[in-house]
Amino acid sequence: MINQPPIDELTSKLGEKYEGSKYALCVVSAKRARQLVDISKNQNNPQPMTEKPLTAAAYEIMEDKISVVNG
């Protein structure tokens, strides 16, 4: 379970349509975490990520670096 950043604050960052949806938060954060892993692998970076991909995705959502788009 994610404690930091708080889940309620994260769900409020998803936009008006998905506000409060824990399912949408799960989908968005999992997709972004997968992207971060793929980027790390494609860069042939021998150093492991400093934080877990899901944690990084959660912080990106909290900092409004990610926007939810239907499609």
PDB file of N, CA and C in Angstrom:
ATOM      1  N   MET A   1       0.844  -1.184   0.000  1.00  0.00           N
ATOM      2  CA  MET A   1       0.000   0.000   0.000  1.00  0.00           C
ATOM      3  C   MET A   1       0.880   1.234   0.000  1.00  0.00           C
ATOM      4  N   ILE A   2       0.481   2.215  -0.768  1.00  0.00           N
ATOM      5  CA  ILE A   2       1.209   3.473  -0.841  1.00  0.00           C
ATOM      6  C   ILE A   2       0.787   4.362   0.319  1.00  0.00           C
ATOM      7  N   ASN A   3       1.767   4.834   1.070  1.00  0.00           N
ATOM      8  CA  ASN A   3       1.477   5.761   2.159  1.00  0.00           C
ATOM      9  C   ASN A   3       1.865   7.185   1.792  1.00  0.00           C
ATOM     10  N   GLN A   4       2.939   7.325   1.073  1.00  0.00           N
ATOM     11  CA  GLN A   4       3.410   8.639   0.645  1.00  0.00           C
ATOM     12  C   GLN A   4       3.614   8.629  -0.840  1.00  0.00           C
ATOM     13  N   PRO A   5       3.055   9.464  -1.590  1.00  0.00           N
ATOM     14  CA  PRO A   5       2.021  10.444  -1.270  1.00  0.00           C
ATOM     15  C   PRO A   5       0.681   9.764  -0.992  1.00  0.00           C
ATOM     16  N   PRO A   6      -0.178  10.414  -0.216  1.00  0.00           N
ATOM     17  CA  PRO A   6      -1.468   9.812   0.153  1.00  0.00           C
ATOM     18  C   PRO A   6      -2.352   9.502  -1.058  1.00  0.00           C
ATOM     19  N   ILE A   7      -3.022   8.385  -0.993  1.00  0.00           N
ATOM     20  CA  ILE A   7      -3.859   7.923  -2.104  1.00  0.00           C
ATOM     21  C   ILE A   7      -4.983   8.913  -2.418  1.00  0.00           C
ATOM     22  N   ASP A   8      -5.601   9.478  -1.403  1.00  0.00           N
ATOM     23  CA  ASP A   8      -6.700  10.422  -1.639  1.00  0.00           C
ATOM     24  C   ASP A   8      -6.224  11.649  -2.404  1.00  0.00           C
ATOM     25  N   GLU A   9      -5.016  12.110  -2.107  1.00  0.00           N
ATOM     26  CA  GLU A   9      -4.475  13.257  -2.836  1.00  0.00           C
ATOM     27  C   GLU A   9      -4.125  12.868  -4.275  1.00  0.00           C
ATOM     28  N   LEU A  10      -3.633  11.655  -4.447  1.00  0.00           N
ATOM     29  CA  LEU A  10      -3.301  11.198  -5.796  1.00  0.00           C
ATOM     30  C   LEU A  10      -4.547  11.079  -6.666  1.00  0.00           C
ATOM     31  N   THR A  11      -5.614  10.524  -6.107  1.00  0.00           N
ATOM     32  CA  THR A  11      -6.840  10.373  -6.904  1.00  0.00           C
ATOM     33  C   THR A  11      -7.437  11.722  -7.270  1.00  0.00           C
ATOM     34  N   SER A  12      -7.206  12.738  -6.464  1.00  0.00           N
ATOM     35  CA  SER A  12      -7.723  14.067  -6.798  1.00  0.00           C
ATOM     36  C   SER A  12      -6.935  14.705  -7.931  1.00  0.00           C
ATOM     37  N   LYS A  13      -5.748  14.198  -8.219  1.00  0.00           N
ATOM     38  CA  LYS A  13      -4.899  14.746  -9.277  1.00  0.00           C
ATOM     39  C   LYS A  13      -5.213  14.156 -10.652  1.00  0.00           C
ATOM     40  N   LEU A  14      -6.098  13.180 -10.731  1.00  0.00           N
ATOM     41  CA  LEU A  14      -6.377  12.485 -11.979  1.00  0.00           C
ATOM     42  C   LEU A  14      -7.307  13.239 -12.916  1.00  0.00           C
ATOM     43  N   GLY A  15      -7.868  14.307 -12.465  1.00  0.00           N
ATOM     44  CA  GLY A  15      -8.789  15.064 -13.298  1.00  0.00           C
ATOM     45  C   GLY A  15     -10.220  14.872 -12.845  1.00  0.00           C
ATOM     46  N   GLU A  16     -11.069  15.721 -13.341  1.00  0.00           N
ATOM     47  CA  GLU A  16     -12.464  15.750 -12.902  1.00  0.00           C
ATOM     48  C   GLU A  16     -13.195  14.430 -13.150  1.00  0.00           C
ATOM     49  N   LYS A  17     -12.949  13.823 -14.306  1.00  0.00           N
ATOM     50  CA  LYS A  17     -13.671  12.599 -14.670  1.00  0.00           C
ATOM     51  C   LYS A  17     -13.301  11.426 -13.765  1.00  0.00           C
ATOM     52  N   TYR A  18     -12.032  11.338 -13.363  1.00  0.00           N
ATOM     53  CA  TYR A  18     -11.557  10.192 -12.589  1.00  0.00           C
ATOM     54  C   TYR A  18     -11.274  10.518 -11.128  1.00  0.00           C
ATOM     55  N   GLU A  19     -11.660  11.672 -10.680  1.00  0.00           N
ATOM     56  CA  GLU A  19     -11.375  12.078  -9.308  1.00  0.00           C
ATOM     57  C   GLU A  19     -11.990  11.091  -8.311  1.00  0.00           C
ATOM     58  N   GLY A  20     -11.171  10.608  -7.403  1.00  0.00           N
ATOM     59  CA  GLY A  20     -11.626   9.669  -6.389  1.00  0.00           C
ATOM     60  C   GLY A  20     -11.595   8.210  -6.807  1.00  0.00           C
ATOM     61  N   SER A  21     -11.227   7.934  -8.040  1.00  0.00           N
ATOM     62  CA  SER A  21     -11.227   6.564  -8.540  1.00  0.00           C
ATOM     63  C   SER A  21      -9.891   5.885  -8.250  1.00  0.00           C
ATOM     64  N   LYS A  22      -9.915   4.940  -7.349  1.00  0.00           N
ATOM     65  CA  LYS A  22      -8.692   4.201  -7.016  1.00  0.00           C
ATOM     66  C   LYS A  22      -8.306   3.256  -8.156  1.00  0.00           C
ATOM     67  N   TYR A  23      -9.298   2.780  -8.888  1.00  0.00           N
ATOM     68  CA  TYR A  23      -9.014   1.926 -10.042  1.00  0.00           C
ATOM     69  C   TYR A  23      -8.242   2.712 -11.102  1.00  0.00           C
ATOM     70  N   ALA A  24      -8.698   3.911 -11.400  1.00  0.00           N
ATOM     71  CA  ALA A  24      -8.014   4.744 -12.389  1.00  0.00           C
ATOM     72  C   ALA A  24      -6.599   5.066 -11.927  1.00  0.00           C
ATOM     73  N   LEU A  25      -6.434   5.323 -10.641  1.00  0.00           N
ATOM     74  CA  LEU A  25      -5.100   5.586 -10.098  1.00  0.00           C
ATOM     75  C   LEU A  25      -4.191   4.380 -10.297  1.00  0.00           C
ATOM     76  N   CYS A  26      -4.721   3.211 -10.065  1.00  0.00           N
ATOM     77  CA  CYS A  26      -3.952   1.973 -10.236  1.00  0.00           C
ATOM     78  C   CYS A  26      -3.521   1.800 -11.684  1.00  0.00           C
ATOM     79  N   VAL A  27      -4.429   2.021 -12.613  1.00  0.00           N
ATOM     80  CA  VAL A  27      -4.132   1.846 -14.031  1.00  0.00           C
ATOM     81  C   VAL A  27      -3.099   2.862 -14.497  1.00  0.00           C
ATOM     82  N   VAL A  28      -3.297   4.116 -14.141  1.00  0.00           N
ATOM     83  CA  VAL A  28      -2.388   5.179 -14.576  1.00  0.00           C
ATOM     84  C   VAL A  28      -1.001   4.976 -13.997  1.00  0.00           C
ATOM     85  N   SER A  29      -0.928   4.697 -12.716  1.00  0.00           N
ATOM     86  CA  SER A  29       0.387   4.543 -12.091  1.00  0.00           C
ATOM     87  C   SER A  29       1.103   3.285 -12.589  1.00  0.00           C
ATOM     88  N   ALA A  30       0.366   2.214 -12.841  1.00  0.00           N
ATOM     89  CA  ALA A  30       0.992   0.991 -13.358  1.00  0.00           C
ATOM     90  C   ALA A  30       1.527   1.195 -14.772  1.00  0.00           C
ATOM     91  N   LYS A  31       0.763   1.902 -15.612  1.00  0.00           N
ATOM     92  CA  LYS A  31       1.234   2.169 -16.971  1.00  0.00           C
ATOM     93  C   LYS A  31       2.484   3.039 -16.950  1.00  0.00           C
ATOM     94  N   ARG A  32       2.486   4.055 -16.098  1.00  0.00           N
ATOM     95  CA  ARG A  32       3.653   4.936 -16.030  1.00  0.00           C
ATOM     96  C   ARG A  32       4.859   4.193 -15.466  1.00  0.00           C
ATOM     97  N   ALA A  33       4.648   3.351 -14.468  1.00  0.00           N
ATOM     98  CA  ALA A  33       5.750   2.568 -13.903  1.00  0.00           C
ATOM     99  C   ALA A  33       6.349   1.655 -14.974  1.00  0.00           C
ATOM    100  N   ARG A  34       5.500   1.052 -15.791  1.00  0.00           N
ATOM    101  CA  ARG A  34       5.984   0.196 -16.876  1.00  0.00           C
ATOM    102  C   ARG A  34       6.807   1.000 -17.883  1.00  0.00           C
ATOM    103  N   GLN A  35       6.345   2.209 -18.193  1.00  0.00           N
ATOM    104  CA  GLN A  35       7.098   3.087 -19.087  1.00  0.00           C
ATOM    105  C   GLN A  35       8.472   3.416 -18.506  1.00  0.00           C
ATOM    106  N   LEU A  36       8.533   3.694 -17.226  1.00  0.00           N
ATOM    107  CA  LEU A  36       9.808   4.021 -16.582  1.00  0.00           C
ATOM    108  C   LEU A  36      10.780   2.847 -16.636  1.00  0.00           C
ATOM    109  N   VAL A  37      10.274   1.639 -16.440  1.00  0.00           N
ATOM    110  CA  VAL A  37      11.111   0.448 -16.525  1.00  0.00           C
ATOM    111  C   VAL A  37      11.632   0.269 -17.950  1.00  0.00           C
ATOM    112  N   ASP A  38      10.751   0.437 -18.924  1.00  0.00           N
ATOM    113  CA  ASP A  38      11.153   0.300 -20.325  1.00  0.00           C
ATOM    114  C   ASP A  38      12.188   1.352 -20.720  1.00  0.00           C
ATOM    115  N   ILE A  39      12.006   2.568 -20.271  1.00  0.00           N
ATOM    116  CA  ILE A  39      12.969   3.637 -20.557  1.00  0.00           C
ATOM    117  C   ILE A  39      14.322   3.296 -19.955  1.00  0.00           C
ATOM    118  N   SER A  40      14.301   2.808 -18.737  1.00  0.00           N
ATOM    119  CA  SER A  40      15.548   2.442 -18.067  1.00  0.00           C
ATOM    120  C   SER A  40      16.276   1.328 -18.820  1.00  0.00           C
ATOM    121  N   LYS A  41      15.522   0.346 -19.308  1.00  0.00           N
ATOM    122  CA  LYS A  41      16.128  -0.762 -20.049  1.00  0.00           C
ATOM    123  C   LYS A  41      16.659  -0.318 -21.404  1.00  0.00           C
ATOM    124  N   ASN A  42      15.937   0.567 -22.087  1.00  0.00           N
ATOM    125  CA  ASN A  42      16.342   1.025 -23.409  1.00  0.00           C
ATOM    126  C   ASN A  42      17.568   1.922 -23.375  1.00  0.00           C
ATOM    127  N   GLN A  43      17.813   2.560 -22.258  1.00  0.00           N
ATOM    128  CA  GLN A  43      18.980   3.435 -22.136  1.00  0.00           C
ATOM    129  C   GLN A  43      20.235   2.651 -21.787  1.00  0.00           C
ATOM    130  N   ASN A  44      20.087   1.336 -21.639  1.00  0.00           N
ATOM    131  CA  ASN A  44      21.215   0.482 -21.258  1.00  0.00           C
ATOM    132  C   ASN A  44      21.937   1.028 -20.041  1.00  0.00           C
ATOM    133  N   ASN A  45      21.151   1.464 -19.099  1.00  0.00           N
ATOM    134  CA  ASN A  45      21.689   2.051 -17.877  1.00  0.00           C
ATOM    135  C   ASN A  45      22.100   0.937 -16.921  1.00  0.00           C
ATOM    136  N   PRO A  46      23.397   0.785 -16.643  1.00  0.00           N
ATOM    137  CA  PRO A  46      23.826  -0.292 -15.752  1.00  0.00           C
ATOM    138  C   PRO A  46      23.427  -0.056 -14.291  1.00  0.00           C
ATOM    139  N   GLN A  47      23.145   1.197 -13.944  1.00  0.00           N
ATOM    140  CA  GLN A  47      22.759   1.492 -12.570  1.00  0.00           C
ATOM    141  C   GLN A  47      21.262   1.235 -12.394  1.00  0.00           C
ATOM    142  N   PRO A  48      20.894   0.593 -11.314  1.00  0.00           N
ATOM    143  CA  PRO A  48      19.466   0.372 -11.076  1.00  0.00           C
ATOM    144  C   PRO A  48      18.780   1.698 -10.726  1.00  0.00           C
ATOM    145  N   MET A  49      17.480   1.715 -10.872  1.00  0.00           N
ATOM    146  CA  MET A  49      16.716   2.911 -10.518  1.00  0.00           C
ATOM    147  C   MET A  49      16.873   3.165  -9.022  1.00  0.00           C
ATOM    148  N   THR A  50      16.908   4.446  -8.641  1.00  0.00           N
ATOM    149  CA  THR A  50      17.113   4.785  -7.235  1.00  0.00           C
ATOM    150  C   THR A  50      15.871   4.529  -6.393  1.00  0.00           C
ATOM    151  N   GLU A  51      14.707   4.560  -7.032  1.00  0.00           N
ATOM    152  CA  GLU A  51      13.470   4.246  -6.315  1.00  0.00           C
ATOM    153  C   GLU A  51      12.641   3.296  -7.168  1.00  0.00           C
ATOM    154  N   LYS A  52      11.696   2.672  -6.562  1.00  0.00           N
ATOM    155  CA  LYS A  52      10.857   1.718  -7.279  1.00  0.00           C
ATOM    156  C   LYS A  52      10.017   2.465  -8.318  1.00  0.00           C
ATOM    157  N   PRO A  53       9.767   1.827  -9.458  1.00  0.00           N
ATOM    158  CA  PRO A  53       9.024   2.502 -10.531  1.00  0.00           C
ATOM    159  C   PRO A  53       7.633   2.974 -10.117  1.00  0.00           C
ATOM    160  N   LEU A  54       6.943   2.206  -9.311  1.00  0.00           N
ATOM    161  CA  LEU A  54       5.610   2.607  -8.879  1.00  0.00           C
ATOM    162  C   LEU A  54       5.671   3.842  -7.981  1.00  0.00           C
ATOM    163  N   THR A  55       6.687   3.919  -7.147  1.00  0.00           N
ATOM    164  CA  THR A  55       6.868   5.094  -6.298  1.00  0.00           C
ATOM    165  C   THR A  55       7.162   6.318  -7.146  1.00  0.00           C
ATOM    166  N   ALA A  56       8.029   6.156  -8.128  1.00  0.00           N
ATOM    167  CA  ALA A  56       8.356   7.268  -9.027  1.00  0.00           C
ATOM    168  C   ALA A  56       7.106   7.737  -9.771  1.00  0.00           C
ATOM    169  N   ALA A  57       6.288   6.798 -10.229  1.00  0.00           N
ATOM    170  CA  ALA A  57       5.057   7.146 -10.928  1.00  0.00           C
ATOM    171  C   ALA A  57       4.093   7.898 -10.015  1.00  0.00           C
ATOM    172  N   ALA A  58       3.988   7.468  -8.765  1.00  0.00           N
ATOM    173  CA  ALA A  58       3.104   8.141  -7.809  1.00  0.00           C
ATOM    174  C   ALA A  58       3.550   9.580  -7.571  1.00  0.00           C
ATOM    175  N   TYR A  59       4.843   9.791  -7.441  1.00  0.00           N
ATOM    176  CA  TYR A  59       5.338  11.149  -7.238  1.00  0.00           C
ATOM    177  C   TYR A  59       5.142  12.008  -8.485  1.00  0.00           C
ATOM    178  N   GLU A  60       5.251  11.419  -9.666  1.00  0.00           N
ATOM    179  CA  GLU A  60       4.996  12.172 -10.886  1.00  0.00           C
ATOM    180  C   GLU A  60       3.534  12.585 -10.980  1.00  0.00           C
ATOM    181  N   ILE A  61       2.636  11.724 -10.557  1.00  0.00           N
ATOM    182  CA  ILE A  61       1.213  12.069 -10.534  1.00  0.00           C
ATOM    183  C   ILE A  61       0.979  13.203  -9.543  1.00  0.00           C
ATOM    184  N   MET A  62       1.591  13.099  -8.384  1.00  0.00           N
ATOM    185  CA  MET A  62       1.423  14.112  -7.340  1.00  0.00           C
ATOM    186  C   MET A  62       1.939  15.471  -7.797  1.00  0.00           C
ATOM    187  N   GLU A  63       3.015  15.478  -8.570  1.00  0.00           N
ATOM    188  CA  GLU A  63       3.622  16.729  -9.033  1.00  0.00           C
ATOM    189  C   GLU A  63       3.000  17.222 -10.343  1.00  0.00           C
ATOM    190  N   ASP A  64       1.889  16.629 -10.769  1.00  0.00           N
ATOM    191  CA  ASP A  64       1.182  16.988 -12.002  1.00  0.00           C
ATOM    192  C   ASP A  64       2.050  16.877 -13.246  1.00  0.00           C
ATOM    193  N   LYS A  65       2.967  15.935 -13.268  1.00  0.00           N
ATOM    194  CA  LYS A  65       3.787  15.693 -14.444  1.00  0.00           C
ATOM    195  C   LYS A  65       3.087  14.749 -15.422  1.00  0.00           C
ATOM    196  N   ILE A  66       2.010  14.120 -14.966  1.00  0.00           N
ATOM    197  CA  ILE A  66       1.259  13.165 -15.779  1.00  0.00           C
ATOM    198  C   ILE A  66      -0.183  13.646 -15.893  1.00  0.00           C
ATOM    199  N   SER A  67      -0.706  13.589 -17.098  1.00  0.00           N
ATOM    200  CA  SER A  67      -2.113  13.916 -17.283  1.00  0.00           C
ATOM    201  C   SER A  67      -2.830  12.694 -17.866  1.00  0.00           C
ATOM    202  N   VAL A  68      -4.052  12.501 -17.465  1.00  0.00           N
ATOM    203  CA  VAL A  68      -4.829  11.355 -17.917  1.00  0.00           C
ATOM    204  C   VAL A  68      -5.574  11.751 -19.189  1.00  0.00           C
ATOM    205  N   VAL A  69      -5.380  10.922 -20.232  1.00  0.00           N
ATOM    206  CA  VAL A  69      -6.013  11.186 -21.515  1.00  0.00           C
ATOM    207  C   VAL A  69      -6.797   9.946 -21.913  1.00  0.00           C
ATOM    208  N   ASN A  70      -8.038  10.129 -22.326  1.00  0.00           N
ATOM    209  CA  ASN A  70      -8.828   8.991 -22.819  1.00  0.00           C
ATOM    210  C   ASN A  70      -8.330   8.600 -24.196  1.00  0.00           C
ATOM    211  N   GLY A  71      -8.329   7.312 -24.419  1.00  0.00           N
ATOM    212  CA  GLY A  71      -7.943   6.911 -25.767  1.00  0.00           C
ATOM    213  C   GLY A  71      -7.407   5.612 -25.817  1.00  0.00           C
TER     214      GLY A  71
END
